[in-house]
């Protein structure tokens, strides 16, 4: 049955989302700043929140973790889109939250 298959796919996606490592939505951005006459790199997390861009400083010590979390965020977005498509099919097939 198509509905049973969709429900199985949905449950698998929900498991993947639940078991995901730390993730965030945003991009890691590198800029340079002049400090004592020389340019040094600075890192920020850039996020669009309610239509406004917010940047958060990232220390070099946390840079790799933020990059990994941002990469996981891209995967999470893909899973959310896939889940939305499955939910749409389920709703069209008569499924509900009731």
PDB file of N, CA and C in Angstrom:
ATOM      1  N   UNK A   1       0.850  -1.180   0.000  1.00  0.00           N
ATOM      2  CA  UNK A   1       0.000   0.000   0.000  1.00  0.00           C
ATOM      3  C   UNK A   1       0.891   1.237   0.000  1.00  0.00           C
ATOM      4  N   UNK A   2       0.541   2.208  -0.852  1.00  0.00           N
ATOM      5  CA  UNK A   2       1.328   3.437  -0.979  1.00  0.00           C
ATOM      6  C   UNK A   2       1.393   4.232   0.323  1.00  0.00           C
ATOM      7  N   UNK A   3       0.282   4.294   1.041  1.00  0.00           N
ATOM      8  CA  UNK A   3       0.249   5.049   2.298  1.00  0.00           C
ATOM      9  C   UNK A   3       1.193   4.411   3.325  1.00  0.00           C
ATOM     10  N   UNK A   4       1.187   3.102   3.418  1.00  0.00           N
ATOM     11  CA  UNK A   4       2.084   2.411   4.345  1.00  0.00           C
ATOM     12  C   UNK A   4       3.545   2.691   4.003  1.00  0.00           C
ATOM     13  N   UNK A   5       3.868   2.691   2.719  1.00  0.00           N
ATOM     14  CA  UNK A   5       5.235   2.986   2.273  1.00  0.00           C
ATOM     15  C   UNK A   5       5.616   4.412   2.647  1.00  0.00           C
ATOM     16  N   UNK A   6       4.700   5.353   2.420  1.00  0.00           N
ATOM     17  CA  UNK A   6       4.967   6.747   2.770  1.00  0.00           C
ATOM     18  C   UNK A   6       5.168   6.904   4.277  1.00  0.00           C
ATOM     19  N   UNK A   7       4.354   6.214   5.063  1.00  0.00           N
ATOM     20  CA  UNK A   7       4.488   6.291   6.520  1.00  0.00           C
ATOM     21  C   UNK A   7       5.844   5.738   6.958  1.00  0.00           C
ATOM     22  N   UNK A   8       6.276   4.647   6.353  1.00  0.00           N
ATOM     23  CA  UNK A   8       7.593   4.076   6.665  1.00  0.00           C
ATOM     24  C   UNK A   8       8.704   5.061   6.305  1.00  0.00           C
ATOM     25  N   UNK A   9       8.591   5.691   5.128  1.00  0.00           N
ATOM     26  CA  UNK A   9       9.591   6.680   4.705  1.00  0.00           C
ATOM     27  C   UNK A   9       9.615   7.862   5.672  1.00  0.00           C
ATOM     28  N   UNK A  10       8.430   8.296   6.098  1.00  0.00           N
ATOM     29  CA  UNK A  10       8.320   9.420   7.030  1.00  0.00           C
ATOM     30  C   UNK A  10       8.975   9.068   8.364  1.00  0.00           C
ATOM     31  N   UNK A  11       8.694   7.878   8.863  1.00  0.00           N
ATOM     32  CA  UNK A  11       9.283   7.457  10.134  1.00  0.00           C
ATOM     33  C   UNK A  11      10.805   7.380  10.051  1.00  0.00           C
ATOM     34  N   UNK A  12      11.323   6.911   8.925  1.00  0.00           N
ATOM     35  CA  UNK A  12      12.773   6.836   8.735  1.00  0.00           C
ATOM     36  C   UNK A  12      13.383   8.243   8.727  1.00  0.00           C
ATOM     37  N   UNK A  13      12.744   9.176   8.038  1.00  0.00           N
ATOM     38  CA  UNK A  13      13.245  10.554   8.025  1.00  0.00           C
ATOM     39  C   UNK A  13      13.208  11.164   9.425  1.00  0.00           C
ATOM     40  N   UNK A  14      12.145  10.920  10.159  1.00  0.00           N
ATOM     41  CA  UNK A  14      12.039  11.446  11.517  1.00  0.00           C
ATOM     42  C   UNK A  14      13.132  10.864  12.411  1.00  0.00           C
ATOM     43  N   UNK A  15      13.482   9.593  12.217  1.00  0.00           N
ATOM     44  CA  UNK A  15      14.587   8.979  12.969  1.00  0.00           C
ATOM     45  C   UNK A  15      15.905   9.684  12.643  1.00  0.00           C
ATOM     46  N   UNK A  16      16.134   9.927  11.350  1.00  0.00           N
ATOM     47  CA  UNK A  16      17.370  10.599  10.932  1.00  0.00           C
ATOM     48  C   UNK A  16      17.454  12.002  11.546  1.00  0.00           C
ATOM     49  N   UNK A  17      16.343  12.709  11.550  1.00  0.00           N
ATOM     50  CA  UNK A  17      16.323  14.052  12.131  1.00  0.00           C
ATOM     51  C   UNK A  17      16.576  13.974  13.635  1.00  0.00           C
ATOM     52  N   UNK A  18      15.924  13.025  14.290  1.00  0.00           N
ATOM     53  CA  UNK A  18      16.083  12.865  15.743  1.00  0.00           C
ATOM     54  C   UNK A  18      17.514  12.509  16.127  1.00  0.00           C
ATOM     55  N   UNK A  19      18.160  11.666  15.329  1.00  0.00           N
ATOM     56  CA  UNK A  19      19.499  11.165  15.646  1.00  0.00           C
ATOM     57  C   UNK A  19      20.630  12.050  15.115  1.00  0.00           C
ATOM     58  N   UNK A  20      20.286  13.146  14.469  1.00  0.00           N
ATOM     59  CA  UNK A  20      21.299  14.002  13.841  1.00  0.00           C
ATOM     60  C   UNK A  20      22.236  14.617  14.882  1.00  0.00           C
ATOM     61  N   UNK A  21      23.502  14.794  14.503  1.00  0.00           N
ATOM     62  CA  UNK A  21      24.427  15.490  15.404  1.00  0.00           C
ATOM     63  C   UNK A  21      24.056  16.980  15.480  1.00  0.00           C
ATOM     64  N   UNK A  22      24.802  17.721  16.267  1.00  0.00           N
ATOM     65  CA  UNK A  22      24.545  19.158  16.371  1.00  0.00           C
ATOM     66  C   UNK A  22      24.529  19.787  14.984  1.00  0.00           C
ATOM     67  N   UNK A  23      23.521  20.606  14.741  1.00  0.00           N
ATOM     68  CA  UNK A  23      23.422  21.262  13.439  1.00  0.00           C
ATOM     69  C   UNK A  23      22.856  22.651  13.637  1.00  0.00           C
ATOM     70  N   UNK A  24      23.078  23.499  12.655  1.00  0.00           N
ATOM     71  CA  UNK A  24      22.516  24.837  12.684  1.00  0.00           C
ATOM     72  C   UNK A  24      22.284  25.313  11.265  1.00  0.00           C
ATOM     73  N   UNK A  25      21.384  26.263  11.143  1.00  0.00           N
ATOM     74  CA  UNK A  25      21.091  26.863   9.849  1.00  0.00           C
ATOM     75  C   UNK A  25      21.904  28.142   9.745  1.00  0.00           C
ATOM     76  N   UNK A  26      22.734  28.226   8.753  1.00  0.00           N
ATOM     77  CA  UNK A  26      23.547  29.420   8.561  1.00  0.00           C
ATOM     78  C   UNK A  26      24.810  29.078   7.801  1.00  0.00           C
ATOM     79  N   UNK A  27      25.590  30.113   7.541  1.00  0.00           N
ATOM     80  CA  UNK A  27      26.846  29.949   6.816  1.00  0.00           C
ATOM     81  C   UNK A  27      27.993  30.482   7.657  1.00  0.00           C
ATOM     82  N   UNK A  28      29.117  29.816   7.575  1.00  0.00           N
ATOM     83  CA  UNK A  28      30.325  30.310   8.222  1.00  0.00           C
ATOM     84  C   UNK A  28      31.030  31.221   7.219  1.00  0.00           C
ATOM     85  N   UNK A  29      31.299  32.444   7.672  1.00  0.00           N
ATOM     86  CA  UNK A  29      31.883  33.467   6.808  1.00  0.00           C
ATOM     87  C   UNK A  29      33.232  33.877   7.373  1.00  0.00           C
ATOM     88  N   UNK A  30      34.207  34.038   6.475  1.00  0.00           N
ATOM     89  CA  UNK A  30      35.532  34.502   6.895  1.00  0.00           C
ATOM     90  C   UNK A  30      35.754  35.902   6.351  1.00  0.00           C
ATOM     91  N   UNK A  31      36.194  36.786   7.210  1.00  0.00           N
ATOM     92  CA  UNK A  31      36.580  38.134   6.800  1.00  0.00           C
ATOM     93  C   UNK A  31      37.971  38.400   7.363  1.00  0.00           C
ATOM     94  N   UNK A  32      38.541  39.519   6.987  1.00  0.00           N
ATOM     95  CA  UNK A  32      39.829  39.902   7.564  1.00  0.00           C
ATOM     96  C   UNK A  32      39.665  41.220   8.306  1.00  0.00           C
ATOM     97  N   UNK A  33      40.433  41.356   9.373  1.00  0.00           N
ATOM     98  CA  UNK A  33      40.447  42.583  10.161  1.00  0.00           C
ATOM     99  C   UNK A  33      41.889  43.024  10.325  1.00  0.00           C
ATOM    100  N   UNK A  34      42.067  44.330  10.355  1.00  0.00           N
ATOM    101  CA  UNK A  34      43.412  44.835  10.630  1.00  0.00           C
ATOM    102  C   UNK A  34      43.614  44.897  12.127  1.00  0.00           C
ATOM    103  N   UNK A  35      44.682  44.296  12.564  1.00  0.00           N
ATOM    104  CA  UNK A  35      45.017  44.294  13.980  1.00  0.00           C
ATOM    105  C   UNK A  35      46.509  44.561  14.107  1.00  0.00           C
ATOM    106  N   UNK A  36      46.853  45.682  14.726  1.00  0.00           N
ATOM    107  CA  UNK A  36      48.250  46.085  14.890  1.00  0.00           C
ATOM    108  C   UNK A  36      49.001  46.091  13.563  1.00  0.00           C
ATOM    109  N   UNK A  37      48.344  46.640  12.550  1.00  0.00           N
ATOM    110  CA  UNK A  37      49.000  46.823  11.264  1.00  0.00           C
ATOM    111  C   UNK A  37      48.996  45.625  10.340  1.00  0.00           C
ATOM    112  N   UNK A  38      48.479  44.497  10.788  1.00  0.00           N
ATOM    113  CA  UNK A  38      48.425  43.352   9.869  1.00  0.00           C
ATOM    114  C   UNK A  38      47.010  42.770   9.847  1.00  0.00           C
ATOM    115  N   UNK A  39      46.690  42.162   8.726  1.00  0.00           N
ATOM    116  CA  UNK A  39      45.354  41.587   8.577  1.00  0.00           C
ATOM    117  C   UNK A  39      45.309  40.194   9.184  1.00  0.00           C
ATOM    118  N   UNK A  40      44.262  39.956   9.951  1.00  0.00           N
ATOM    119  CA  UNK A  40      44.058  38.638  10.537  1.00  0.00           C
ATOM    120  C   UNK A  40      42.644  38.167  10.194  1.00  0.00           C
ATOM    121  N   UNK A  41      42.458  36.871  10.039  1.00  0.00           N
ATOM    122  CA  UNK A  41      41.115  36.378   9.708  1.00  0.00           C
ATOM    123  C   UNK A  41      40.180  36.419  10.915  1.00  0.00           C
ATOM    124  N   UNK A  42      38.920  36.696  10.632  1.00  0.00           N
ATOM    125  CA  UNK A  42      37.862  36.621  11.636  1.00  0.00           C
ATOM    126  C   UNK A  42      36.749  35.766  11.061  1.00  0.00           C
ATOM    127  N   UNK A  43      36.051  35.049  11.917  1.00  0.00           N
ATOM    128  CA  UNK A  43      35.023  34.120  11.465  1.00  0.00           C
ATOM    129  C   UNK A  43      33.692  34.443  12.126  1.00  0.00           C
ATOM    130  N   UNK A  44      32.629  34.314  11.324  1.00  0.00           N
ATOM    131  CA  UNK A  44      31.288  34.623  11.812  1.00  0.00           C
ATOM    132  C   UNK A  44      30.303  33.590  11.297  1.00  0.00           C
ATOM    133  N   UNK A  45      29.246  33.384  12.068  1.00  0.00           N
ATOM    134  CA  UNK A  45      28.110  32.607  11.616  1.00  0.00           C
ATOM    135  C   UNK A  45      27.085  33.609  11.115  1.00  0.00           C
ATOM    136  N   UNK A  46      26.696  33.491   9.864  1.00  0.00           N
ATOM    137  CA  UNK A  46      25.709  34.384   9.263  1.00  0.00           C
ATOM    138  C   UNK A  46      24.390  33.632   9.146  1.00  0.00           C
ATOM    139  N   UNK A  47      23.335  34.214   9.737  1.00  0.00           N
ATOM    140  CA  UNK A  47      22.018  33.583   9.722  1.00  0.00           C
ATOM    141  C   UNK A  47      20.971  34.612   9.340  1.00  0.00           C
ATOM    142  N   UNK A  48      19.995  34.176   8.566  1.00  0.00           N
ATOM    143  CA  UNK A  48      18.853  35.017   8.235  1.00  0.00           C
ATOM    144  C   UNK A  48      17.736  34.655   9.208  1.00  0.00           C
ATOM    145  N   UNK A  49      17.370  35.606  10.053  1.00  0.00           N
ATOM    146  CA  UNK A  49      16.332  35.378  11.056  1.00  0.00           C
ATOM    147  C   UNK A  49      15.244  36.419  10.861  1.00  0.00           C
ATOM    148  N   UNK A  50      14.043  35.942  10.514  1.00  0.00           N
ATOM    149  CA  UNK A  50      12.900  36.813  10.249  1.00  0.00           C
ATOM    150  C   UNK A  50      13.248  37.906   9.239  1.00  0.00           C
ATOM    151  N   UNK A  51      13.962  37.508   8.192  1.00  0.00           N
ATOM    152  CA  UNK A  51      14.294  38.424   7.114  1.00  0.00           C
ATOM    153  C   UNK A  51      15.462  39.359   7.389  1.00  0.00           C
ATOM    154  N   UNK A  52      16.071  39.234   8.543  1.00  0.00           N
ATOM    155  CA  UNK A  52      17.216  40.076   8.874  1.00  0.00           C
ATOM    156  C   UNK A  52      18.449  39.207   9.050  1.00  0.00           C
ATOM    157  N   UNK A  53      19.583  39.715   8.568  1.00  0.00           N
ATOM    158  CA  UNK A  53      20.824  38.970   8.682  1.00  0.00           C
ATOM    159  C   UNK A  53      21.438  39.211  10.056  1.00  0.00           C
ATOM    160  N   UNK A  54      21.765  38.128  10.735  1.00  0.00           N
ATOM    161  CA  UNK A  54      22.405  38.211  12.042  1.00  0.00           C
ATOM    162  C   UNK A  54      23.753  37.526  11.937  1.00  0.00           C
ATOM    163  N   UNK A  55      24.797  38.175  12.436  1.00  0.00           N
ATOM    164  CA  UNK A  55      26.106  37.537  12.436  1.00  0.00           C
ATOM    165  C   UNK A  55      26.572  37.367  13.880  1.00  0.00           C
ATOM    166  N   UNK A  56      27.206  36.229  14.120  1.00  0.00           N
ATOM    167  CA  UNK A  56      27.701  35.887  15.439  1.00  0.00           C
ATOM    168  C   UNK A  56      29.173  35.521  15.303  1.00  0.00           C
ATOM    169  N   UNK A  57      30.003  36.134  16.116  1.00  0.00           N
ATOM    170  CA  UNK A  57      31.436  35.857  16.079  1.00  0.00           C
ATOM    171  C   UNK A  57      31.715  34.403  16.457  1.00  0.00           C
ATOM    172  N   UNK A  58      32.664  33.798  15.752  1.00  0.00           N
ATOM    173  CA  UNK A  58      33.116  32.435  16.038  1.00  0.00           C
ATOM    174  C   UNK A  58      34.605  32.500  16.341  1.00  0.00           C
ATOM    175  N   UNK A  59      34.994  31.980  17.487  1.00  0.00           N
ATOM    176  CA  UNK A  59      36.424  31.934  17.792  1.00  0.00           C
ATOM    177  C   UNK A  59      37.087  30.861  16.932  1.00  0.00           C
ATOM    178  N   UNK A  60      38.359  31.042  16.679  1.00  0.00           N
ATOM    179  CA  UNK A  60      39.098  30.069  15.867  1.00  0.00           C
ATOM    180  C   UNK A  60      39.044  28.676  16.502  1.00  0.00           C
ATOM    181  N   UNK A  61      38.984  28.623  17.817  1.00  0.00           N
ATOM    182  CA  UNK A  61      38.930  27.332  18.516  1.00  0.00           C
ATOM    183  C   UNK A  61      37.644  26.575  18.195  1.00  0.00           C
ATOM    184  N   UNK A  62      36.575  27.276  17.880  1.00  0.00           N
ATOM    185  CA  UNK A  62      35.286  26.646  17.582  1.00  0.00           C
ATOM    186  C   UNK A  62      34.983  26.547  16.084  1.00  0.00           C
ATOM    187  N   UNK A  63      35.869  27.041  15.253  1.00  0.00           N
ATOM    188  CA  UNK A  63      35.603  27.133  13.816  1.00  0.00           C
ATOM    189  C   UNK A  63      35.230  25.794  13.194  1.00  0.00           C
ATOM    190  N   UNK A  64      36.010  24.755  13.439  1.00  0.00           N
ATOM    191  CA  UNK A  64      35.727  23.447  12.828  1.00  0.00           C
ATOM    192  C   UNK A  64      34.367  22.911  13.259  1.00  0.00           C
ATOM    193  N   UNK A  65      34.020  23.081  14.535  1.00  0.00           N
ATOM    194  CA  UNK A  65      32.723  22.599  15.017  1.00  0.00           C
ATOM    195  C   UNK A  65      31.573  23.352  14.354  1.00  0.00           C
ATOM    196  N   UNK A  66      31.743  24.672  14.178  1.00  0.00           N
ATOM    197  CA  UNK A  66      30.696  25.450  13.511  1.00  0.00           C
ATOM    198  C   UNK A  66      30.576  25.061  12.038  1.00  0.00           C
ATOM    199  N   UNK A  67      31.698  24.812  11.385  1.00  0.00           N
ATOM    200  CA  UNK A  67      31.647  24.389   9.976  1.00  0.00           C
ATOM    201  C   UNK A  67      30.926  23.054   9.837  1.00  0.00           C
ATOM    202  N   UNK A  68      31.225  22.120  10.733  1.00  0.00           N
ATOM    203  CA  UNK A  68      30.554  20.811  10.700  1.00  0.00           C
ATOM    204  C   UNK A  68      29.060  20.958  10.980  1.00  0.00           C
ATOM    205  N   UNK A  69      28.707  21.800  11.947  1.00  0.00           N
ATOM    206  CA  UNK A  69      27.295  22.006  12.279  1.00  0.00           C
ATOM    207  C   UNK A  69      26.557  22.676  11.124  1.00  0.00           C
ATOM    208  N   UNK A  70      27.204  23.608  10.433  1.00  0.00           N
ATOM    209  CA  UNK A  70      26.581  24.259   9.276  1.00  0.00           C
ATOM    210  C   UNK A  70      26.385  23.252   8.136  1.00  0.00           C
ATOM    211  N   UNK A  71      27.363  22.363   7.941  1.00  0.00           N
ATOM    212  CA  UNK A  71      27.227  21.319   6.913  1.00  0.00           C
ATOM    213  C   UNK A  71      26.087  20.372   7.266  1.00  0.00           C
ATOM    214  N   UNK A  72      25.958  20.031   8.546  1.00  0.00           N
ATOM    215  CA  UNK A  72      24.834  19.197   8.979  1.00  0.00           C
ATOM    216  C   UNK A  72      23.510  19.930   8.771  1.00  0.00           C
ATOM    217  N   UNK A  73      23.527  21.240   8.945  1.00  0.00           N
ATOM    218  CA  UNK A  73      22.321  22.046   8.722  1.00  0.00           C
ATOM    219  C   UNK A  73      21.826  21.944   7.288  1.00  0.00           C
ATOM    220  N   UNK A  74      22.750  21.895   6.343  1.00  0.00           N
ATOM    221  CA  UNK A  74      22.373  21.726   4.930  1.00  0.00           C
ATOM    222  C   UNK A  74      21.679  20.380   4.747  1.00  0.00           C
ATOM    223  N   UNK A  75      22.229  19.344   5.376  1.00  0.00           N
ATOM    224  CA  UNK A  75      21.609  18.015   5.295  1.00  0.00           C
ATOM    225  C   UNK A  75      20.220  18.019   5.945  1.00  0.00           C
ATOM    226  N   UNK A  76      20.105  18.724   7.071  1.00  0.00           N
ATOM    227  CA  UNK A  76      18.818  18.786   7.772  1.00  0.00           C
ATOM    228  C   UNK A  76      17.764  19.480   6.913  1.00  0.00           C
ATOM    229  N   UNK A  77      18.158  20.536   6.230  1.00  0.00           N
ATOM    230  CA  UNK A  77      17.224  21.233   5.341  1.00  0.00           C
ATOM    231  C   UNK A  77      16.716  20.294   4.258  1.00  0.00           C
ATOM    232  N   UNK A  78      17.623  19.499   3.695  1.00  0.00           N
ATOM    233  CA  UNK A  78      17.233  18.536   2.662  1.00  0.00           C
ATOM    234  C   UNK A  78      16.254  17.510   3.231  1.00  0.00           C
ATOM    235  N   UNK A  79      16.527  17.028   4.446  1.00  0.00           N
ATOM    236  CA  UNK A  79      15.618  16.070   5.085  1.00  0.00           C
ATOM    237  C   UNK A  79      14.257  16.706   5.353  1.00  0.00           C
ATOM    238  N   UNK A  80      14.242  17.963   5.771  1.00  0.00           N
ATOM    239  CA  UNK A  80      12.980  18.662   6.022  1.00  0.00           C
ATOM    240  C   UNK A  80      12.164  18.815   4.742  1.00  0.00           C
ATOM    241  N   UNK A  81      12.829  19.129   3.635  1.00  0.00           N
ATOM    242  CA  UNK A  81      12.126  19.247   2.357  1.00  0.00           C
ATOM    243  C   UNK A  81      11.556  17.893   1.920  1.00  0.00           C
ATOM    244  N   UNK A  82      12.344  16.849   2.110  1.00  0.00           N
ATOM    245  CA  UNK A  82      11.890  15.500   1.777  1.00  0.00           C
ATOM    246  C   UNK A  82      10.692  15.108   2.646  1.00  0.00           C
ATOM    247  N   UNK A  83      10.770  15.422   3.935  1.00  0.00           N
ATOM    248  CA  UNK A  83       9.678  15.137   4.859  1.00  0.00           C
ATOM    249  C   UNK A  83       8.417  15.908   4.475  1.00  0.00           C
ATOM    250  N   UNK A  84       8.585  17.151   4.079  1.00  0.00           N
ATOM    251  CA  UNK A  84       7.443  17.968   3.662  1.00  0.00           C
ATOM    252  C   UNK A  84       6.758  17.368   2.437  1.00  0.00           C
ATOM    253  N   UNK A  85       7.549  16.878   1.496  1.00  0.00           N
ATOM    254  CA  UNK A  85       6.980  16.260   0.292  1.00  0.00           C
ATOM    255  C   UNK A  85       6.193  14.996   0.653  1.00  0.00           C
ATOM    256  N   UNK A  86       6.732  14.199   1.562  1.00  0.00           N
ATOM    257  CA  UNK A  86       6.031  12.988   1.999  1.00  0.00           C
ATOM    258  C   UNK A  86       4.759  13.352   2.747  1.00  0.00           C
ATOM    259  N   UNK A  87       4.840  14.355   3.628  1.00  0.00           N
ATOM    260  CA  UNK A  87       3.647  14.808   4.351  1.00  0.00           C
ATOM    261  C   UNK A  87       2.558  15.276   3.394  1.00  0.00           C
ATOM    262  N   UNK A  88       2.947  15.975   2.347  1.00  0.00           N
ATOM    263  CA  UNK A  88       1.988  16.443   1.350  1.00  0.00           C
ATOM    264  C   UNK A  88       1.276  15.260   0.691  1.00  0.00           C
ATOM    265  N   UNK A  89       2.037  14.238   0.343  1.00  0.00           N
ATOM    266  CA  UNK A  89       1.451  13.052  -0.280  1.00  0.00           C
ATOM    267  C   UNK A  89       0.504  12.339   0.687  1.00  0.00           C
ATOM    268  N   UNK A  90       0.904  12.277   1.958  1.00  0.00           N
ATOM    269  CA  UNK A  90       0.058  11.635   2.962  1.00  0.00           C
ATOM    270  C   UNK A  90      -1.254  12.406   3.151  1.00  0.00           C
ATOM    271  N   UNK A  91      -1.161  13.727   3.189  1.00  0.00           N
ATOM    272  CA  UNK A  91      -2.376  14.543   3.338  1.00  0.00           C
ATOM    273  C   UNK A  91      -3.304  14.340   2.147  1.00  0.00           C
ATOM    274  N   UNK A  92      -2.732  14.321   0.947  1.00  0.00           N
ATOM    275  CA  UNK A  92      -3.537  14.094  -0.251  1.00  0.00           C
ATOM    276  C   UNK A  92      -4.208  12.712  -0.234  1.00  0.00           C
ATOM    277  N   UNK A  93      -3.541  11.752   0.443  1.00  0.00           N
ATOM    278  CA  UNK A  93      -4.089  10.395   0.533  1.00  0.00           C
ATOM    279  C   UNK A  93      -5.096  10.258   1.666  1.00  0.00           C
ATOM    280  N   UNK A  94      -5.352  11.360   2.396  1.00  0.00           N
ATOM    281  CA  UNK A  94      -6.362  11.339   3.431  1.00  0.00           C
ATOM    282  C   UNK A  94      -5.851  11.234   4.852  1.00  0.00           C
ATOM    283  N   UNK A  95      -4.547  11.207   5.035  1.00  0.00           N
ATOM    284  CA  UNK A  95      -3.989  11.115   6.387  1.00  0.00           C
ATOM    285  C   UNK A  95      -4.194  12.443   7.110  1.00  0.00           C
ATOM    286  N   UNK A  96      -4.244  12.383   8.442  1.00  0.00           N
ATOM    287  CA  UNK A  96      -4.374  13.603   9.248  1.00  0.00           C
ATOM    288  C   UNK A  96      -3.693  13.401  10.577  1.00  0.00           C
ATOM    289  N   UNK A  97      -3.646  14.441  11.382  1.00  0.00           N
ATOM    290  CA  UNK A  97      -3.036  14.369  12.710  1.00  0.00           C
ATOM    291  C   UNK A  97      -4.004  13.848  13.753  1.00  0.00           C
ATOM    292  N   UNK A  98      -5.245  13.630  13.367  1.00  0.00           N
ATOM    293  CA  UNK A  98      -6.282  13.220  14.326  1.00  0.00           C
ATOM    294  C   UNK A  98      -6.117  11.776  14.750  1.00  0.00           C
TER     295      UNK A  98
END
